[in-house]
C-alpha atoms as a PDB file:
ATOM      1  CA  MET A   1      11.082 -25.968   4.810  1.00  0.00           C
ATOM      2  CA  PHE A   2      13.937 -24.351   6.726  1.00  0.00           C
ATOM      3  CA  SER A   3      15.368 -27.701   7.771  1.00  0.00           C
ATOM      4  CA  GLU A   4      15.779 -28.772   4.147  1.00  0.00           C
ATOM      5  CA  GLY A   5      17.819 -25.628   3.423  1.00  0.00           C
ATOM      6  CA  LEU A   6      19.944 -26.198   6.515  1.00  0.00           C
ATOM      7  CA  ALA A   7      20.549 -29.837   5.485  1.00  0.00           C
ATOM      8  CA  ALA A   8      21.618 -28.716   1.985  1.00  0.00           C
ATOM      9  CA  GLY A   9      23.976 -26.133   3.458  1.00  0.00           C
ATOM     10  CA  ALA A  10      25.568 -28.646   5.797  1.00  0.00           C
ATOM     11  CA  SER A  11      25.887 -31.135   2.947  1.00  0.00           C
ATOM     12  CA  VAL A  12      28.062 -28.706   0.986  1.00  0.00           C
ATOM     13  CA  GLY A  13      30.807 -28.894   3.585  1.00  0.00           C
ATOM     14  CA  ALA A  14      30.453 -32.639   4.176  1.00  0.00           C
ATOM     15  CA  ASN A  15      30.616 -33.477   0.524  1.00  0.00           C
ATOM     16  CA  TYR A  16      33.539 -31.097  -0.107  1.00  0.00           C
ATOM     17  CA  ARG A  17      35.435 -32.875   2.671  1.00  0.00           C
ATOM     18  CA  SER A  18      34.629 -36.174   1.011  1.00  0.00           C
ATOM     19  CA  ALA A  19      35.832 -34.824  -2.393  1.00  0.00           C
ATOM     20  CA  CYS A  20      39.165 -33.835  -0.788  1.00  0.00           C
ATOM     21  CA  ARG A  21      39.602 -37.490   0.057  1.00  0.00           C
ATOM     22  CA  ALA A  22      38.716 -38.772  -3.399  1.00  0.00           C
ATOM     23  CA  ARG A  23      40.570 -41.820  -4.627  1.00  0.00           C
ATOM     24  CA  SER A  24      40.785 -40.768  -8.248  1.00  0.00           C
ATOM     25  CA  SER A  25      40.090 -37.868 -10.596  1.00  0.00           C
ATOM     26  CA  PRO A  26      36.726 -39.331 -11.669  1.00  0.00           C
ATOM     27  CA  ASP A  27      35.783 -39.847  -7.998  1.00  0.00           C
ATOM     28  CA  PHE A  28      36.767 -36.222  -7.230  1.00  0.00           C
ATOM     29  CA  ILE A  29      34.702 -34.924 -10.158  1.00  0.00           C
ATOM     30  CA  SER A  30      31.703 -36.985  -9.096  1.00  0.00           C
ATOM     31  CA  LYS A  31      31.887 -35.815  -5.481  1.00  0.00           C
ATOM     32  CA  MET A  32      32.410 -32.169  -6.489  1.00  0.00           C
ATOM     33  CA  GLY A  33      29.287 -32.558  -8.662  1.00  0.00           C
ATOM     34  CA  ILE A  34      27.356 -33.327  -5.488  1.00  0.00           C
ATOM     35  CA  VAL A  35      28.905 -30.235  -3.846  1.00  0.00           C
ATOM     36  CA  GLU A  36      27.699 -28.195  -6.838  1.00  0.00           C
ATOM     37  CA  GLU A  37      24.166 -29.586  -6.540  1.00  0.00           C
ATOM     38  CA  GLU A  38      23.998 -28.978  -2.778  1.00  0.00           C
ATOM     39  CA  ALA A  39      25.369 -25.440  -3.059  1.00  0.00           C
ATOM     40  CA  ASP A  40      22.814 -24.635  -5.755  1.00  0.00           C
ATOM     41  CA  GLU A  41      20.057 -26.125  -3.591  1.00  0.00           C
ATOM     42  CA  SER A  42      21.146 -23.982  -0.657  1.00  0.00           C
ATOM     43  CA  ILE A  43      20.931 -20.888  -2.850  1.00  0.00           C
ATOM     44  CA  CYS A  44      17.524 -21.961  -4.043  1.00  0.00           C
ATOM     45  CA  TRP A  45      16.209 -22.360  -0.501  1.00  0.00           C
ATOM     46  CA  MET A  46      17.500 -18.928   0.534  1.00  0.00           C
ATOM     47  CA  GLU A  47      15.867 -17.340  -2.534  1.00  0.00           C
ATOM     48  CA  LEU A  48      12.583 -19.163  -1.747  1.00  0.00           C
ATOM     49  CA  LEU A  49      12.656 -17.902   1.826  1.00  0.00           C
ATOM     50  CA  VAL A  50      13.112 -14.353   0.597  1.00  0.00           C
ATOM     51  CA  GLU A  51      10.462 -14.663  -2.105  1.00  0.00           C
ATOM     52  CA  GLY A  52       8.041 -16.177   0.400  1.00  0.00           C
ATOM     53  CA  GLY A  53       8.525 -13.250   2.715  1.00  0.00           C
ATOM     54  CA  LEU A  54       9.886 -15.418   5.526  1.00  0.00           C
ATOM     55  CA  ILE A  55      13.190 -13.519   5.665  1.00  0.00           C
ATOM     56  CA  ARG A  56      14.406 -10.187   4.307  1.00  0.00           C
ATOM     57  CA  LYS A  57      16.899 -10.202   1.462  1.00  0.00           C
ATOM     58  CA  ASP A  58      19.129  -7.828   3.442  1.00  0.00           C
ATOM     59  CA  ASP A  59      19.376 -10.500   6.189  1.00  0.00           C
ATOM     60  CA  VAL A  60      20.810 -13.107   3.821  1.00  0.00           C
ATOM     61  CA  SER A  61      22.502 -11.058   1.088  1.00  0.00           C
ATOM     62  CA  ASP A  62      26.006 -11.712   2.474  1.00  0.00           C
ATOM     63  CA  LEU A  63      25.209 -15.418   2.830  1.00  0.00           C
ATOM     64  CA  LEU A  64      23.804 -15.553  -0.685  1.00  0.00           C
ATOM     65  CA  ASN A  65      26.881 -13.866  -2.082  1.00  0.00           C
ATOM     66  CA  GLU A  66      29.159 -16.301  -0.267  1.00  0.00           C
ATOM     67  CA  ALA A  67      27.095 -19.266  -1.472  1.00  0.00           C
ATOM     68  CA  ASN A  68      27.311 -18.011  -5.072  1.00  0.00           C
ATOM     69  CA  ARG A  69      31.095 -17.674  -4.720  1.00  0.00           C
ATOM     70  CA  ILE A  70      31.380 -21.180  -3.349  1.00  0.00           C
ATOM     71  CA  LEU A  71      29.254 -22.435  -6.232  1.00  0.00           C
ATOM     72  CA  ALA A  72      31.455 -20.611  -8.786  1.00  0.00           C
ATOM     73  CA  MET A  73      34.642 -22.029  -7.198  1.00  0.00           C
ATOM     74  CA  THR A  74      33.160 -25.529  -7.260  1.00  0.00           C
ATOM     75  CA  VAL A  75      32.204 -25.330 -10.918  1.00  0.00           C
ATOM     76  CA  SER A  76      35.668 -23.993 -11.754  1.00  0.00           C
ATOM     77  CA  SER A  77      37.300 -26.871  -9.835  1.00  0.00           C
ATOM     78  CA  ILE A  78      35.179 -29.402 -11.686  1.00  0.00           C
ATOM     79  CA  ARG A  79      36.095 -27.857 -15.071  1.00  0.00           C
ATOM     80  CA  THR A  80      39.795 -27.844 -14.170  1.00  0.00           C
ATOM     81  CA  ALA A  81      39.645 -31.482 -13.044  1.00  0.00           C
ATOM     82  CA  ARG A  82      37.876 -32.482 -16.235  1.00  0.00           C
ATOM     83  CA  GLY A  83      40.516 -30.681 -18.284  1.00  0.00           C
ATOM     84  CA  LYS A  84      43.336 -32.515 -16.494  1.00  0.00           C
ATOM     85  CA  LYS A  85      41.558 -35.820 -16.996  1.00  0.00           C
ATOM     86  CA  GLN A  86      41.468 -35.318 -20.761  1.00  0.00           C
ATOM     87  CA  GLN A  87      45.237 -34.532 -21.018  1.00  0.00           C
END
């Protein structure tokens, strides 16, 4: 269970790096969509670990806040890229 969460967390960075090397706006949007999914999955795993009593919320609250900020920035970037594509 923990390894899935770790993989999702590592995937956020790897896919963001890939998005930074996108060849086109649609490619960037697609890759950032993967970043969004992986960030959301990381948040989900952290919440499940807390709800399952495997870790204390206090131990991951800073990490959860950071993950939520990354998710919000990712969604904002996707929206901005979509807006530029339509112009």
